[in-house]
Amino acid sequence: MSLGRKYLLTIALQSILAGALLWVGGLIWGSIQSDLVSQDLVGSDLDSLIFAVWAVSLAVVIGVLATGTWGRRILGTMGAVVAAAGVYSLIILDKEGLNALWIFAIVLSLGLMITNLLIVFTSKNWPTLSGRYSRSAAPEQDAWTLLDAGVDPTIESDPDKPRSRD
């Protein structure tokens, strides 16, 4: 699989998993019935780390799009740690009166932890934001000198041969 496909697949999977976790966190996971009152139990009310895992995962997606190698590794590590904390908090949750949505939230959080670890270990050669458009001038030539000579410094060309103006 090419680097571009791995990059897009990981980013898309992370976005989908984060969105699904936010959606599951907003659903009713169970209810408590008593003689006087009945109360619905919403996932994000039972475990507030659901929102944190979603927010950090979305921030990692945005950060991966904008940063380079070390930034991606730091963001991926941070996302994996937060997702692991979310898994732990869901595992120790009191499950009395809950339906199976908390298990689905655990699976989604595990998936986010895995995609964040993929970012940590495989993002070294992924494309960067505007990376294909950035070029540097030759070391002996300054960009201002090239501009004064009528040459676009972002395109590799010889300053002694000015481009024709069509």
N, C-alpha and C. Protein backbone atom coordinates (compact mmCIF):
# COMPACT_ATOMS: atom_id res chain seq x y z
N MET A 1 0.84 -1.17 0.00
CA MET A 1 0.00 0.00 0.00
C MET A 1 0.90 1.24 0.00
N SER A 2 0.54 2.23 -0.79
CA SER A 2 1.37 3.42 -0.90
C SER A 2 1.26 4.28 0.35
N LEU A 3 2.25 5.16 0.51
CA LEU A 3 2.27 6.03 1.69
C LEU A 3 1.07 6.95 1.73
N GLY A 4 0.68 7.46 0.57
CA GLY A 4 -0.48 8.34 0.51
C GLY A 4 -1.76 7.65 0.93
N ARG A 5 -1.90 6.39 0.54
CA ARG A 5 -3.10 5.64 0.93
C ARG A 5 -3.11 5.32 2.41
N LYS A 6 -1.96 4.94 2.96
CA LYS A 6 -1.88 4.69 4.40
C LYS A 6 -2.23 5.95 5.18
N TYR A 7 -1.72 7.07 4.71
CA TYR A 7 -1.97 8.37 5.33
C TYR A 7 -3.46 8.68 5.32
N LEU A 8 -4.07 8.61 4.16
CA LEU A 8 -5.50 8.92 4.05
C LEU A 8 -6.36 7.92 4.81
N LEU A 9 -6.01 6.65 4.74
CA LEU A 9 -6.78 5.63 5.44
C LEU A 9 -6.72 5.82 6.95
N THR A 10 -5.54 6.11 7.48
CA THR A 10 -5.39 6.31 8.92
C THR A 10 -6.15 7.54 9.38
N ILE A 11 -6.02 8.64 8.64
CA ILE A 11 -6.71 9.88 9.00
C ILE A 11 -8.23 9.70 8.91
N ALA A 12 -8.70 9.04 7.85
CA ALA A 12 -10.15 8.81 7.69
C ALA A 12 -10.66 7.88 8.80
N LEU A 13 -9.93 6.83 9.09
CA LEU A 13 -10.35 5.89 10.14
C LEU A 13 -10.38 6.57 11.50
N GLN A 14 -9.38 7.38 11.78
CA GLN A 14 -9.35 8.11 13.06
C GLN A 14 -10.54 9.06 13.16
N SER A 15 -10.86 9.75 12.08
CA SER A 15 -12.00 10.68 12.08
C SER A 15 -13.32 9.94 12.27
N ILE A 16 -13.48 8.83 11.59
CA ILE A 16 -14.72 8.05 11.69
C ILE A 16 -14.89 7.47 13.09
N LEU A 17 -13.82 6.91 13.63
CA LEU A 17 -13.89 6.34 14.98
C LEU A 17 -14.19 7.42 16.02
N ALA A 18 -13.57 8.58 15.88
CA ALA A 18 -13.82 9.67 16.83
C ALA A 18 -15.26 10.14 16.74
N GLY A 19 -15.76 10.30 15.53
CA GLY A 19 -17.16 10.70 15.37
C GLY A 19 -18.13 9.68 15.92
N ALA A 20 -17.83 8.40 15.70
CA ALA A 20 -18.69 7.34 16.23
C ALA A 20 -18.66 7.32 17.76
N LEU A 21 -17.49 7.58 18.35
CA LEU A 21 -17.40 7.62 19.80
C LEU A 21 -18.21 8.79 20.37
N LEU A 22 -18.16 9.93 19.71
CA LEU A 22 -18.97 11.06 20.15
C LEU A 22 -20.45 10.73 20.06
N TRP A 23 -20.85 10.08 18.99
CA TRP A 23 -22.25 9.70 18.80
C TRP A 23 -22.70 8.70 19.87
N VAL A 24 -21.88 7.66 20.10
CA VAL A 24 -22.22 6.65 21.10
C VAL A 24 -22.26 7.27 22.50
N GLY A 25 -21.38 8.21 22.76
CA GLY A 25 -21.37 8.87 24.06
C GLY A 25 -22.62 9.68 24.33
N GLY A 26 -23.30 10.11 23.29
CA GLY A 26 -24.52 10.88 23.46
C GLY A 26 -25.78 10.03 23.54
N LEU A 27 -25.65 8.73 23.38
CA LEU A 27 -26.81 7.84 23.45
C LEU A 27 -27.11 7.43 24.89
N ILE A 28 -28.29 6.89 25.10
CA ILE A 28 -28.68 6.41 26.42
C ILE A 28 -28.15 4.99 26.60
N TRP A 29 -27.32 4.80 27.63
CA TRP A 29 -26.69 3.52 27.88
C TRP A 29 -27.49 2.66 28.85
N GLY A 30 -28.48 3.19 29.45
CA GLY A 30 -29.29 2.43 30.39
C GLY A 30 -30.19 3.38 31.16
N SER A 31 -30.87 2.85 32.15
CA SER A 31 -31.74 3.68 32.98
C SER A 31 -31.82 3.09 34.38
N ILE A 32 -32.14 3.96 35.30
CA ILE A 32 -32.33 3.56 36.69
C ILE A 32 -33.80 3.80 37.02
N GLN A 33 -34.46 2.76 37.50
CA GLN A 33 -35.87 2.86 37.87
C GLN A 33 -36.00 2.76 39.38
N SER A 34 -36.76 3.67 39.93
CA SER A 34 -37.09 3.56 41.36
C SER A 34 -38.57 3.90 41.53
N ASP A 35 -39.05 3.85 42.74
CA ASP A 35 -40.46 4.12 42.99
C ASP A 35 -40.82 5.58 42.69
N LEU A 36 -39.91 6.47 42.94
CA LEU A 36 -40.21 7.90 42.78
C LEU A 36 -39.77 8.49 41.45
N VAL A 37 -38.71 7.98 40.90
CA VAL A 37 -38.15 8.61 39.70
C VAL A 37 -37.47 7.56 38.82
N SER A 38 -37.42 7.86 37.55
CA SER A 38 -36.61 7.05 36.63
C SER A 38 -35.65 8.01 35.91
N GLN A 39 -34.44 7.54 35.72
CA GLN A 39 -33.42 8.39 35.12
C GLN A 39 -32.71 7.64 34.01
N ASP A 40 -32.58 8.30 32.85
CA ASP A 40 -31.80 7.74 31.74
C ASP A 40 -30.33 8.03 31.97
N LEU A 41 -29.50 7.06 31.66
CA LEU A 41 -28.05 7.20 31.82
C LEU A 41 -27.41 7.40 30.45
N VAL A 42 -26.93 8.62 30.20
CA VAL A 42 -26.26 8.96 28.94
C VAL A 42 -24.78 8.65 29.11
N GLY A 43 -24.18 8.12 28.06
CA GLY A 43 -22.79 7.68 28.12
C GLY A 43 -21.82 8.75 28.56
N SER A 44 -21.92 9.95 28.01
CA SER A 44 -20.97 11.00 28.37
C SER A 44 -21.18 11.51 29.79
N ASP A 45 -22.37 11.29 30.36
CA ASP A 45 -22.59 11.64 31.77
C ASP A 45 -21.97 10.59 32.69
N LEU A 46 -21.97 9.35 32.26
CA LEU A 46 -21.38 8.28 33.06
C LEU A 46 -19.86 8.32 33.04
N ASP A 47 -19.30 8.65 31.90
CA ASP A 47 -17.84 8.68 31.74
C ASP A 47 -17.48 9.92 30.94
N SER A 48 -16.98 10.92 31.62
CA SER A 48 -16.67 12.18 30.94
C SER A 48 -15.43 12.09 30.05
N LEU A 49 -14.63 11.04 30.18
CA LEU A 49 -13.46 10.89 29.32
C LEU A 49 -13.84 10.59 27.87
N ILE A 50 -15.07 10.20 27.62
CA ILE A 50 -15.50 9.96 26.24
C ILE A 50 -15.33 11.22 25.41
N PHE A 51 -15.75 12.34 25.95
CA PHE A 51 -15.60 13.60 25.23
C PHE A 51 -14.13 13.96 25.07
N ALA A 52 -13.32 13.71 26.10
CA ALA A 52 -11.88 14.01 26.01
C ALA A 52 -11.21 13.17 24.94
N VAL A 53 -11.54 11.89 24.87
CA VAL A 53 -10.94 11.02 23.85
C VAL A 53 -11.35 11.50 22.46
N TRP A 54 -12.62 11.87 22.30
CA TRP A 54 -13.07 12.39 21.01
C TRP A 54 -12.32 13.67 20.65
N ALA A 55 -12.25 14.62 21.58
CA ALA A 55 -11.63 15.92 21.29
C ALA A 55 -10.14 15.77 20.97
N VAL A 56 -9.44 14.96 21.73
CA VAL A 56 -8.00 14.77 21.48
C VAL A 56 -7.79 14.05 20.15
N SER A 57 -8.64 13.07 19.84
CA SER A 57 -8.50 12.35 18.57
C SER A 57 -8.73 13.27 17.39
N LEU A 58 -9.70 14.15 17.49
CA LEU A 58 -9.93 15.13 16.42
C LEU A 58 -8.76 16.11 16.32
N ALA A 59 -8.22 16.53 17.45
CA ALA A 59 -7.06 17.41 17.44
C ALA A 59 -5.85 16.73 16.82
N VAL A 60 -5.70 15.44 17.06
CA VAL A 60 -4.59 14.69 16.45
C VAL A 60 -4.76 14.67 14.92
N VAL A 61 -5.98 14.46 14.45
CA VAL A 61 -6.21 14.46 13.00
C VAL A 61 -5.81 15.80 12.40
N ILE A 62 -6.24 16.88 13.01
CA ILE A 62 -5.91 18.22 12.50
C ILE A 62 -4.41 18.47 12.61
N GLY A 63 -3.82 18.06 13.73
CA GLY A 63 -2.39 18.26 13.92
C GLY A 63 -1.54 17.45 12.95
N VAL A 64 -1.96 16.24 12.65
CA VAL A 64 -1.21 15.40 11.70
C VAL A 64 -1.22 16.03 10.32
N LEU A 65 -2.31 16.66 9.96
CA LEU A 65 -2.38 17.33 8.67
C LEU A 65 -1.42 18.51 8.58
N ALA A 66 -1.11 19.13 9.72
CA ALA A 66 -0.35 20.37 9.71
C ALA A 66 1.10 20.24 10.17
N THR A 67 1.50 19.11 10.74
CA THR A 67 2.84 19.03 11.30
C THR A 67 3.71 18.04 10.54
N GLY A 68 4.97 18.02 10.93
CA GLY A 68 5.92 17.11 10.33
C GLY A 68 6.13 15.88 11.20
N THR A 69 7.24 15.22 11.03
CA THR A 69 7.51 13.93 11.64
C THR A 69 7.41 13.94 13.17
N TRP A 70 8.17 14.80 13.83
CA TRP A 70 8.19 14.78 15.29
C TRP A 70 6.88 15.28 15.87
N GLY A 71 6.27 16.25 15.25
CA GLY A 71 4.97 16.71 15.71
C GLY A 71 3.93 15.61 15.64
N ARG A 72 3.96 14.84 14.58
CA ARG A 72 3.03 13.73 14.43
C ARG A 72 3.27 12.66 15.49
N ARG A 73 4.52 12.39 15.76
CA ARG A 73 4.83 11.37 16.78
C ARG A 73 4.37 11.82 18.16
N ILE A 74 4.56 13.09 18.47
CA ILE A 74 4.12 13.61 19.76
C ILE A 74 2.59 13.57 19.85
N LEU A 75 1.91 14.03 18.79
CA LEU A 75 0.45 14.03 18.79
C LEU A 75 -0.11 12.61 18.86
N GLY A 76 0.49 11.69 18.11
CA GLY A 76 0.03 10.30 18.14
C GLY A 76 0.22 9.67 19.51
N THR A 77 1.34 9.97 20.16
CA THR A 77 1.57 9.45 21.50
C THR A 77 0.55 10.01 22.48
N MET A 78 0.30 11.32 22.38
CA MET A 78 -0.69 11.94 23.25
C MET A 78 -2.08 11.33 23.02
N GLY A 79 -2.44 11.13 21.76
CA GLY A 79 -3.73 10.53 21.46
C GLY A 79 -3.84 9.10 21.95
N ALA A 80 -2.76 8.33 21.84
CA ALA A 80 -2.78 6.94 22.31
C ALA A 80 -2.92 6.88 23.83
N VAL A 81 -2.25 7.77 24.54
CA VAL A 81 -2.33 7.79 26.00
C VAL A 81 -3.74 8.16 26.45
N VAL A 82 -4.34 9.18 25.82
CA VAL A 82 -5.69 9.59 26.19
C VAL A 82 -6.70 8.50 25.85
N ALA A 83 -6.53 7.84 24.70
CA ALA A 83 -7.44 6.75 24.34
C ALA A 83 -7.30 5.58 25.31
N ALA A 84 -6.08 5.28 25.74
CA ALA A 84 -5.87 4.21 26.72
C ALA A 84 -6.53 4.57 28.05
N ALA A 85 -6.44 5.84 28.45
CA ALA A 85 -7.12 6.28 29.67
C ALA A 85 -8.63 6.14 29.51
N GLY A 86 -9.13 6.43 28.32
CA GLY A 86 -10.56 6.27 28.07
C GLY A 86 -10.99 4.83 28.14
N VAL A 87 -10.19 3.93 27.61
CA VAL A 87 -10.50 2.49 27.69
C VAL A 87 -10.52 2.06 29.15
N TYR A 88 -9.53 2.48 29.90
CA TYR A 88 -9.46 2.10 31.31
C TYR A 88 -10.68 2.62 32.08
N SER A 89 -11.05 3.88 31.84
CA SER A 89 -12.19 4.44 32.57
C SER A 89 -13.49 3.74 32.19
N LEU A 90 -13.60 3.26 30.97
CA LEU A 90 -14.80 2.52 30.57
C LEU A 90 -14.82 1.12 31.17
N ILE A 91 -13.65 0.51 31.32
CA ILE A 91 -13.57 -0.84 31.88
C ILE A 91 -13.96 -0.83 33.37
N ILE A 92 -13.52 0.20 34.10
CA ILE A 92 -13.81 0.23 35.53
C ILE A 92 -15.18 0.83 35.84
N LEU A 93 -15.93 1.19 34.84
CA LEU A 93 -17.26 1.77 35.01
C LEU A 93 -18.21 0.76 35.65
N ASP A 94 -19.09 1.24 36.54
CA ASP A 94 -20.10 0.38 37.14
C ASP A 94 -21.13 0.04 36.06
N LYS A 95 -21.22 -1.23 35.72
CA LYS A 95 -22.03 -1.66 34.58
C LYS A 95 -23.47 -2.01 34.93
N GLU A 96 -23.86 -1.81 36.15
CA GLU A 96 -25.20 -2.18 36.58
C GLU A 96 -26.24 -1.28 35.89
N GLY A 97 -27.16 -1.89 35.21
CA GLY A 97 -28.23 -1.16 34.52
C GLY A 97 -27.84 -0.63 33.16
N LEU A 98 -26.67 -1.01 32.65
CA LEU A 98 -26.21 -0.50 31.35
C LEU A 98 -26.47 -1.52 30.25
N ASN A 99 -26.70 -1.01 29.04
CA ASN A 99 -26.81 -1.89 27.88
C ASN A 99 -25.42 -2.08 27.25
N ALA A 100 -25.35 -2.64 26.09
CA ALA A 100 -24.07 -3.00 25.47
C ALA A 100 -23.34 -1.83 24.81
N LEU A 101 -23.88 -0.62 24.87
CA LEU A 101 -23.20 0.51 24.23
C LEU A 101 -21.86 0.83 24.88
N TRP A 102 -21.69 0.54 26.15
CA TRP A 102 -20.40 0.82 26.77
C TRP A 102 -19.31 -0.09 26.20
N ILE A 103 -19.69 -1.31 25.79
CA ILE A 103 -18.72 -2.21 25.14
C ILE A 103 -18.33 -1.63 23.78
N PHE A 104 -19.30 -1.10 23.06
CA PHE A 104 -19.03 -0.47 21.77
C PHE A 104 -18.10 0.73 21.95
N ALA A 105 -18.28 1.50 23.03
CA ALA A 105 -17.40 2.64 23.32
C ALA A 105 -15.98 2.16 23.62
N ILE A 106 -15.85 1.02 24.28
CA ILE A 106 -14.52 0.45 24.54
C ILE A 106 -13.85 0.08 23.21
N VAL A 107 -14.60 -0.57 22.34
CA VAL A 107 -14.04 -0.97 21.03
C VAL A 107 -13.61 0.25 20.23
N LEU A 108 -14.43 1.30 20.23
CA LEU A 108 -14.08 2.52 19.50
C LEU A 108 -12.83 3.18 20.10
N SER A 109 -12.74 3.20 21.42
CA SER A 109 -11.57 3.79 22.08
C SER A 109 -10.31 2.97 21.79
N LEU A 110 -10.44 1.64 21.76
CA LEU A 110 -9.30 0.78 21.39
C LEU A 110 -8.88 1.05 19.95
N GLY A 111 -9.86 1.22 19.06
CA GLY A 111 -9.54 1.56 17.67
C GLY A 111 -8.82 2.88 17.56
N LEU A 112 -9.22 3.87 18.35
CA LEU A 112 -8.52 5.15 18.35
C LEU A 112 -7.11 5.02 18.90
N MET A 113 -6.94 4.18 19.89
CA MET A 113 -5.60 3.95 20.43
C MET A 113 -4.70 3.32 19.35
N ILE A 114 -5.24 2.37 18.60
CA ILE A 114 -4.47 1.71 17.54
C ILE A 114 -4.13 2.68 16.42
N THR A 115 -5.09 3.51 15.99
CA THR A 115 -4.79 4.46 14.91
C THR A 115 -3.78 5.49 15.37
N ASN A 116 -3.83 5.89 16.64
CA ASN A 116 -2.82 6.82 17.14
C ASN A 116 -1.44 6.17 17.18
N LEU A 117 -1.38 4.90 17.53
CA LEU A 117 -0.09 4.19 17.51
C LEU A 117 0.42 4.05 16.08
N LEU A 118 -0.50 3.84 15.12
CA LEU A 118 -0.08 3.83 13.71
C LEU A 118 0.52 5.16 13.31
N ILE A 119 -0.06 6.24 13.79
CA ILE A 119 0.49 7.56 13.49
C ILE A 119 1.89 7.69 14.07
N VAL A 120 2.08 7.21 15.28
CA VAL A 120 3.40 7.29 15.92
C VAL A 120 4.45 6.53 15.12
N PHE A 121 4.12 5.32 14.69
CA PHE A 121 5.14 4.46 14.11
C PHE A 121 5.23 4.49 12.58
N THR A 122 4.23 5.01 11.88
CA THR A 122 4.29 4.96 10.41
C THR A 122 4.22 6.32 9.74
N SER A 123 4.15 7.39 10.49
CA SER A 123 3.95 8.69 9.85
C SER A 123 5.23 9.39 9.41
N LYS A 124 6.35 8.72 9.52
CA LYS A 124 7.64 9.35 9.21
C LYS A 124 7.70 9.89 7.78
N ASN A 125 7.24 9.11 6.82
CA ASN A 125 7.36 9.51 5.42
C ASN A 125 6.04 9.97 4.81
N TRP A 126 5.04 10.24 5.62
CA TRP A 126 3.77 10.71 5.08
C TRP A 126 3.94 12.12 4.52
N PRO A 127 3.12 12.47 3.55
CA PRO A 127 3.21 13.83 3.00
C PRO A 127 2.80 14.87 4.04
N THR A 128 3.37 16.06 3.91
CA THR A 128 3.04 17.15 4.82
C THR A 128 2.20 18.19 4.10
N LEU A 129 1.58 19.04 4.87
CA LEU A 129 0.75 20.10 4.33
C LEU A 129 1.62 21.01 3.47
N SER A 130 1.27 21.15 2.22
CA SER A 130 1.97 21.95 1.21
C SER A 130 3.42 21.52 1.01
N GLY A 131 3.75 20.29 1.38
CA GLY A 131 5.10 19.80 1.23
C GLY A 131 5.55 19.70 -0.22
N ARG A 132 4.63 19.42 -1.11
CA ARG A 132 5.04 19.28 -2.50
C ARG A 132 5.29 20.62 -3.19
N TYR A 133 4.83 21.71 -2.57
CA TYR A 133 5.02 23.03 -3.16
C TYR A 133 6.22 23.76 -2.62
N SER A 134 6.79 23.29 -1.54
CA SER A 134 7.91 24.01 -0.95
C SER A 134 9.22 23.53 -1.58
N ARG A 135 9.93 24.47 -2.08
CA ARG A 135 11.26 24.20 -2.64
C ARG A 135 12.20 25.27 -2.13
N SER A 136 13.42 24.91 -1.99
CA SER A 136 14.39 25.89 -1.52
C SER A 136 15.27 26.30 -2.68
N ALA A 137 15.75 27.52 -2.60
CA ALA A 137 16.68 28.01 -3.61
C ALA A 137 18.03 27.33 -3.39
N ALA A 138 18.85 27.37 -4.40
CA ALA A 138 20.19 26.81 -4.27
C ALA A 138 20.90 27.53 -3.14
N PRO A 139 21.77 26.84 -2.40
CA PRO A 139 22.37 27.46 -1.23
C PRO A 139 23.17 28.71 -1.54
N GLU A 140 23.77 28.79 -2.72
CA GLU A 140 24.58 29.97 -3.04
C GLU A 140 23.75 31.14 -3.55
N GLN A 141 22.46 30.93 -3.76
CA GLN A 141 21.62 31.99 -4.29
C GLN A 141 20.54 32.35 -3.28
N ASP A 142 20.41 33.60 -3.04
CA ASP A 142 19.40 34.11 -2.13
C ASP A 142 18.09 34.30 -2.90
N ALA A 143 16.96 34.11 -2.21
CA ALA A 143 15.66 34.26 -2.87
C ALA A 143 15.46 35.67 -3.40
N TRP A 144 15.94 36.67 -2.66
CA TRP A 144 15.77 38.06 -3.12
C TRP A 144 16.60 38.31 -4.38
N THR A 145 17.79 37.72 -4.42
CA THR A 145 18.63 37.86 -5.61
C THR A 145 17.95 37.23 -6.82
N LEU A 146 17.35 36.07 -6.62
CA LEU A 146 16.64 35.42 -7.72
C LEU A 146 15.45 36.26 -8.18
N LEU A 147 14.73 36.83 -7.24
CA LEU A 147 13.60 37.69 -7.62
C LEU A 147 14.07 38.92 -8.38
N ASP A 148 15.19 39.50 -7.94
CA ASP A 148 15.74 40.66 -8.66
C ASP A 148 16.17 40.28 -10.07
N ALA A 149 16.59 39.03 -10.25
CA ALA A 149 17.01 38.57 -11.58
C ALA A 149 15.83 38.17 -12.44
N GLY A 150 14.60 38.22 -11.89
CA GLY A 150 13.41 37.88 -12.67
C GLY A 150 13.10 36.40 -12.69
N VAL A 151 13.59 35.68 -11.68
CA VAL A 151 13.38 34.24 -11.61
C VAL A 151 12.49 33.92 -10.41
N ASP A 152 11.59 32.99 -10.61
CA ASP A 152 10.74 32.53 -9.52
C ASP A 152 11.56 31.56 -8.67
N PRO A 153 11.85 31.89 -7.40
CA PRO A 153 12.71 31.02 -6.59
C PRO A 153 12.07 29.69 -6.19
N THR A 154 10.76 29.54 -6.39
CA THR A 154 10.11 28.28 -6.05
C THR A 154 10.23 27.26 -7.17
N ILE A 155 10.70 27.69 -8.32
CA ILE A 155 10.88 26.79 -9.46
C ILE A 155 12.37 26.67 -9.71
N GLU A 156 12.82 25.45 -9.91
CA GLU A 156 14.24 25.26 -10.18
C GLU A 156 14.54 25.77 -11.59
N SER A 157 15.32 26.80 -11.65
CA SER A 157 15.71 27.35 -12.94
C SER A 157 17.03 28.09 -12.79
N ASP A 158 17.58 28.46 -13.90
CA ASP A 158 18.86 29.14 -13.94
C ASP A 158 18.62 30.64 -14.00
N PRO A 159 19.20 31.44 -13.08
CA PRO A 159 18.96 32.88 -13.11
C PRO A 159 19.59 33.57 -14.31
N ASP A 160 20.58 32.93 -14.94
CA ASP A 160 21.21 33.53 -16.11
C ASP A 160 20.33 33.44 -17.34
N LYS A 161 19.32 32.55 -17.31
CA LYS A 161 18.41 32.39 -18.44
C LYS A 161 17.02 32.84 -17.98
N PRO A 162 16.71 34.13 -18.13
CA PRO A 162 15.38 34.59 -17.72
C PRO A 162 14.30 33.92 -18.54
N ARG A 163 13.18 33.66 -17.87
CA ARG A 163 12.07 33.03 -18.57
C ARG A 163 11.39 34.03 -19.48
N SER A 164 10.91 33.52 -20.58
CA SER A 164 10.21 34.39 -21.51
C SER A 164 8.86 34.78 -20.94
N ARG A 165 8.48 36.01 -21.17
CA ARG A 165 7.19 36.49 -20.71
C ARG A 165 6.21 36.44 -21.86
N ASP A 166 5.35 35.44 -21.85
CA ASP A 166 4.40 35.24 -22.96
C ASP A 166 3.29 36.23 -22.90
